[in-house]
Amino acid sequence: MVSMEDVWMDTFKVLGRIVTILPLLLGVGLFMGKRSIGELPVFDFLVVLVLGSVVGADIADPKINHVHTVTAIIAIALLQKFIVWMKLRNRTIGKVLTFEPTIVVFRGEMVEENISRIHYSVDNILQMLREQQVFVLNDVELALIEPNGQLSVKLKKEKESATREEMGVLYRGGGYDVPLILDGELQEDILFRMGRDQEWLQTVLGNYKVSEVFYGALTNQGEFHFSLKGEKVGDLPPIEH
């Protein structure tokens, strides 16, 4: 049977570990370098997970030797610093430990093969484009998923905002896409809400079936753009990190 004295001893031990671990983690974080969680590459993210597991186990179980935990934290920090140094010294190692940038939109068309390979959906890409204030897919010259999971977008030259001095007029935006077909599935309710029907859709698709379309959208100017499943989207530029 556990005595109250043991309970109090374990409680004070846990509190003591929290007080000593937090400054150590702060020091380790400063040592490892400034980088937000959203920008962490895969290896650094795993380091954070391992540190969390080690510290959590140490705090939750007073029977674990505190010295071993401190040693593990310092060793993990040193390993991370060594790997970062190796990545800077050797580009090949950096490529192995980091995802390559992946092109997901090229010249206004979704790159289905790349989107599927990184396990993203059309909805994911559209959401990330909207977060970049891009609402018309055809305005995009190039969009790629960076190694940290962020989306970088390059608009077509004629769609980029320009100053009055450059164009003589103020660039007027305001266009947007309404997705009607996502990965071969018709958004029937949206189709009807846009004042269109399946007969109109089949007319604009021509000989293609809805199930053959990877992405199809109606612009606010009434134009319909679509790309087919398995369609090759030109020669993609070779982009590496």
Protein backbone atom coordinates (compact mmCIF):
# COMPACT_ATOMS: atom_id res chain seq x y z
CA MET A 1 0.00 0.00 0.00
CA VAL A 2 1.30 3.45 -0.94
CA SER A 3 1.72 5.77 2.02
CA MET A 4 0.85 9.47 2.00
CA GLU A 5 4.51 10.23 2.54
CA ASP A 6 5.39 8.45 -0.73
CA VAL A 7 2.64 10.32 -2.55
CA TRP A 8 3.92 13.68 -1.31
CA MET A 9 7.50 12.73 -2.17
CA ASP A 10 6.51 11.77 -5.74
CA THR A 11 4.50 14.98 -6.08
CA PHE A 12 7.41 17.17 -5.04
CA LYS A 13 9.69 15.14 -7.31
CA VAL A 14 7.41 15.78 -10.31
CA LEU A 15 7.20 19.50 -9.52
CA GLY A 16 10.96 19.64 -9.17
CA ARG A 17 11.40 17.95 -12.53
CA ILE A 18 9.07 20.44 -14.20
CA VAL A 19 11.03 23.35 -12.72
CA THR A 20 14.35 21.91 -13.92
CA ILE A 21 13.18 20.54 -17.30
CA LEU A 22 11.55 23.73 -18.63
CA PRO A 23 14.71 25.89 -18.43
CA LEU A 24 16.65 23.01 -19.99
CA LEU A 25 14.16 22.75 -22.87
CA LEU A 26 14.31 26.51 -23.36
CA GLY A 27 18.08 26.34 -23.60
CA VAL A 28 17.88 23.39 -25.99
CA GLY A 29 15.37 25.25 -28.15
CA LEU A 30 17.62 28.30 -28.38
CA PHE A 31 20.58 26.03 -29.13
CA MET A 32 18.74 24.23 -31.94
CA GLY A 33 17.88 27.50 -33.66
CA LYS A 34 14.96 29.78 -34.46
CA ARG A 35 12.28 28.08 -36.51
CA SER A 36 8.51 27.94 -36.10
CA ILE A 37 6.65 24.62 -35.85
CA GLY A 38 4.95 25.30 -39.20
CA GLU A 39 8.34 25.53 -40.89
CA LEU A 40 9.93 22.43 -39.38
CA PRO A 41 11.33 19.89 -41.85
CA VAL A 42 10.63 16.21 -41.20
CA PHE A 43 13.72 15.43 -39.13
CA ASP A 44 13.34 18.46 -36.87
CA PHE A 45 9.66 17.66 -36.35
CA LEU A 46 10.60 14.12 -35.26
CA VAL A 47 13.16 15.60 -32.86
CA VAL A 48 10.41 17.71 -31.27
CA LEU A 49 8.17 14.62 -30.93
CA VAL A 50 10.96 12.59 -29.31
CA LEU A 51 11.80 15.41 -26.91
CA GLY A 52 8.15 15.65 -25.93
CA SER A 53 7.95 11.90 -25.31
CA VAL A 54 11.14 11.84 -23.22
CA VAL A 55 10.09 14.82 -21.10
CA GLY A 56 6.52 13.54 -20.73
CA ALA A 57 7.69 10.15 -19.51
CA ASP A 58 10.12 11.76 -17.06
CA ILE A 59 7.47 14.02 -15.54
CA ALA A 60 4.73 11.37 -15.45
CA ASP A 61 6.86 8.62 -13.87
CA PRO A 62 8.91 9.67 -10.83
CA LYS A 63 10.66 6.28 -10.89
CA ILE A 64 12.56 7.24 -14.06
CA ASN A 65 16.06 8.46 -13.29
CA HIS A 66 16.03 12.23 -13.89
CA VAL A 67 19.70 12.27 -14.84
CA HIS A 68 19.02 9.88 -17.71
CA THR A 69 16.31 12.19 -19.03
CA VAL A 70 18.60 15.22 -18.92
CA THR A 71 21.30 13.21 -20.71
CA ALA A 72 18.81 12.12 -23.39
CA ILE A 73 17.63 15.70 -24.00
CA ILE A 74 21.17 17.00 -24.39
CA ALA A 75 22.08 14.07 -26.67
CA ILE A 76 19.02 14.69 -28.88
CA ALA A 77 19.89 18.39 -29.18
CA LEU A 78 23.49 17.59 -30.11
CA LEU A 79 22.32 15.01 -32.68
CA GLN A 80 19.94 17.53 -34.24
CA LYS A 81 22.68 20.14 -34.43
CA PHE A 82 25.03 17.61 -36.03
CA ILE A 83 22.43 16.58 -38.64
CA VAL A 84 21.78 20.24 -39.51
CA TRP A 85 25.53 20.76 -39.91
CA MET A 86 25.75 17.69 -42.16
CA LYS A 87 22.83 18.94 -44.28
CA LEU A 88 24.60 22.25 -44.80
CA ARG A 89 27.88 20.55 -45.65
CA ASN A 90 26.44 17.86 -47.93
CA ARG A 91 23.53 18.65 -50.27
CA THR A 92 22.82 14.95 -50.87
CA ILE A 93 22.17 14.36 -47.17
CA GLY A 94 19.93 17.41 -47.13
CA LYS A 95 17.84 15.98 -49.96
CA VAL A 96 17.51 12.60 -48.25
CA LEU A 97 16.27 14.17 -44.99
CA THR A 98 13.93 16.73 -46.59
CA PHE A 99 11.01 16.48 -49.01
CA GLU A 100 11.48 17.96 -52.47
CA PRO A 101 9.19 20.82 -53.58
CA THR A 102 6.25 19.41 -55.56
CA ILE A 103 4.53 21.27 -58.40
CA VAL A 104 0.74 20.97 -58.02
CA VAL A 105 -0.47 23.61 -60.52
CA PHE A 106 1.24 24.49 -63.79
CA ARG A 107 -0.05 27.04 -66.29
CA GLY A 108 -3.55 27.00 -64.86
CA GLU A 109 -3.93 23.22 -64.65
CA MET A 110 -3.81 20.81 -61.72
CA VAL A 111 -0.94 18.31 -61.86
CA GLU A 112 -2.91 15.23 -60.85
CA GLU A 113 0.05 12.85 -60.66
CA ASN A 114 1.95 15.06 -58.21
CA ILE A 115 -1.11 15.87 -56.10
CA SER A 116 -1.89 12.16 -55.70
CA ARG A 117 1.74 11.31 -54.96
CA ILE A 118 1.89 13.65 -51.94
CA HIS A 119 -1.56 12.48 -50.75
CA TYR A 120 -3.28 15.85 -51.13
CA SER A 121 -6.81 16.28 -52.45
CA VAL A 122 -8.13 18.86 -54.90
CA ASP A 123 -9.93 20.51 -51.98
CA ASN A 124 -6.62 20.85 -50.10
CA ILE A 125 -5.00 22.63 -53.04
CA LEU A 126 -7.98 24.93 -53.62
CA GLN A 127 -8.06 25.89 -49.94
CA MET A 128 -4.34 26.66 -49.92
CA LEU A 129 -4.73 28.76 -53.07
CA ARG A 130 -7.55 30.74 -51.45
CA GLU A 131 -5.32 31.35 -48.45
CA GLN A 132 -2.90 32.96 -50.93
CA GLN A 133 -5.77 35.15 -52.23
CA VAL A 134 -5.95 33.14 -55.47
CA PHE A 135 -9.52 32.28 -56.50
CA VAL A 136 -9.05 31.54 -60.21
CA LEU A 137 -6.95 28.49 -61.06
CA ASN A 138 -6.27 29.75 -64.57
CA ASP A 139 -4.47 32.79 -63.10
CA VAL A 140 -1.71 30.54 -61.73
CA GLU A 141 1.52 30.07 -63.67
CA LEU A 142 3.11 27.84 -61.04
CA ALA A 143 2.13 26.60 -57.58
CA LEU A 144 4.16 24.17 -55.54
CA ILE A 145 4.12 22.54 -52.12
CA GLU A 146 7.32 23.41 -50.28
CA PRO A 147 9.19 20.87 -48.09
CA ASN A 148 7.56 22.47 -45.02
CA GLY A 149 4.05 21.89 -46.42
CA GLN A 150 3.41 25.52 -47.35
CA LEU A 151 2.10 26.52 -50.79
CA SER A 152 4.08 28.95 -52.95
CA VAL A 153 2.27 30.58 -55.88
CA LYS A 154 3.51 32.41 -58.98
CA LEU A 155 0.74 34.11 -60.94
CA LYS A 156 0.77 34.50 -64.69
CA LYS A 157 2.51 37.68 -65.73
CA GLU A 158 -0.66 39.38 -66.94
CA LYS A 159 -2.41 38.60 -63.64
CA GLU A 160 0.20 39.99 -61.30
CA SER A 161 -0.70 43.28 -59.63
CA ALA A 162 1.09 46.21 -61.18
CA THR A 163 1.50 49.84 -60.22
CA ARG A 164 -0.04 52.74 -62.14
CA GLU A 165 3.44 53.70 -63.34
CA GLU A 166 3.97 50.23 -64.85
CA MET A 167 0.61 49.85 -66.59
CA GLY A 168 -0.95 53.29 -66.56
CA VAL A 169 -4.03 51.82 -64.86
CA LEU A 170 -4.79 50.10 -61.60
CA TYR A 171 -5.01 46.31 -61.89
CA ARG A 172 -8.56 45.18 -61.22
CA GLY A 173 -8.96 41.70 -59.79
CA GLY A 174 -12.08 40.13 -58.35
CA GLY A 175 -12.36 36.91 -60.36
CA TYR A 176 -13.10 33.55 -58.79
CA ASP A 177 -13.69 29.90 -59.66
CA VAL A 178 -16.71 27.83 -58.64
CA PRO A 179 -15.63 24.14 -58.64
CA LEU A 180 -18.21 21.91 -60.30
CA ILE A 181 -16.18 18.70 -60.68
CA LEU A 182 -13.67 17.47 -58.12
CA ASP A 183 -11.70 14.30 -58.88
CA GLY A 184 -14.40 12.88 -61.14
CA GLU A 185 -17.32 13.74 -58.85
CA LEU A 186 -19.98 16.24 -59.89
CA GLN A 187 -21.01 18.85 -57.32
CA GLU A 188 -24.61 18.66 -58.49
CA ASP A 189 -26.14 21.10 -56.00
CA ILE A 190 -23.56 23.76 -56.89
CA LEU A 191 -24.18 23.15 -60.60
CA PHE A 192 -27.89 23.90 -60.17
CA ARG A 193 -27.24 26.89 -57.90
CA MET A 194 -25.09 28.37 -60.66
CA GLY A 195 -28.07 28.13 -63.02
CA ARG A 196 -26.64 25.27 -65.05
CA ASP A 197 -27.79 21.70 -65.63
CA GLN A 198 -26.22 18.41 -66.64
CA GLU A 199 -27.13 18.93 -70.29
CA TRP A 200 -25.12 22.17 -70.34
CA LEU A 201 -22.25 20.44 -68.56
CA GLN A 202 -22.13 17.60 -71.07
CA THR A 203 -22.11 20.15 -73.88
CA VAL A 204 -19.03 21.95 -72.52
CA LEU A 205 -17.32 18.63 -71.75
CA GLY A 206 -17.85 17.39 -75.30
CA ASN A 207 -16.99 13.70 -75.60
CA TYR A 208 -15.60 13.47 -72.07
CA LYS A 209 -17.47 12.02 -69.10
CA VAL A 210 -17.62 13.64 -65.67
CA SER A 211 -15.75 10.65 -64.23
CA GLU A 212 -12.83 11.42 -66.59
CA VAL A 213 -12.44 14.99 -65.30
CA PHE A 214 -9.95 15.66 -62.50
CA TYR A 215 -10.98 19.28 -61.94
CA GLY A 216 -13.62 21.45 -63.56
CA ALA A 217 -14.70 24.96 -62.58
CA LEU A 218 -16.96 27.75 -63.75
CA THR A 219 -15.53 31.28 -63.59
CA ASN A 220 -17.59 34.30 -62.62
CA GLN A 221 -17.31 35.35 -66.29
CA GLY A 222 -19.22 32.21 -67.26
CA GLU A 223 -16.25 30.33 -68.71
CA PHE A 224 -15.75 26.63 -67.92
CA HIS A 225 -12.23 25.24 -67.52
CA PHE A 226 -11.38 21.60 -66.85
CA SER A 227 -8.46 19.19 -66.78
CA LEU A 228 -8.65 15.44 -67.34
CA LYS A 229 -7.44 12.60 -65.15
CA GLY A 230 -4.04 11.34 -66.23
CA GLU A 231 -3.52 14.35 -68.48
CA LYS A 232 0.10 15.42 -68.89
CA VAL A 233 0.54 19.09 -68.04
CA GLY A 234 3.40 20.11 -70.32
CA ASP A 235 7.04 19.89 -69.29
CA LEU A 236 7.25 20.78 -65.61
CA PRO A 237 10.24 22.93 -64.61
CA PRO A 238 12.88 21.05 -62.57
CA ILE A 239 12.56 22.66 -59.14
CA GLU A 240 14.60 21.35 -56.20
CA HIS A 241 15.28 22.62 -52.69
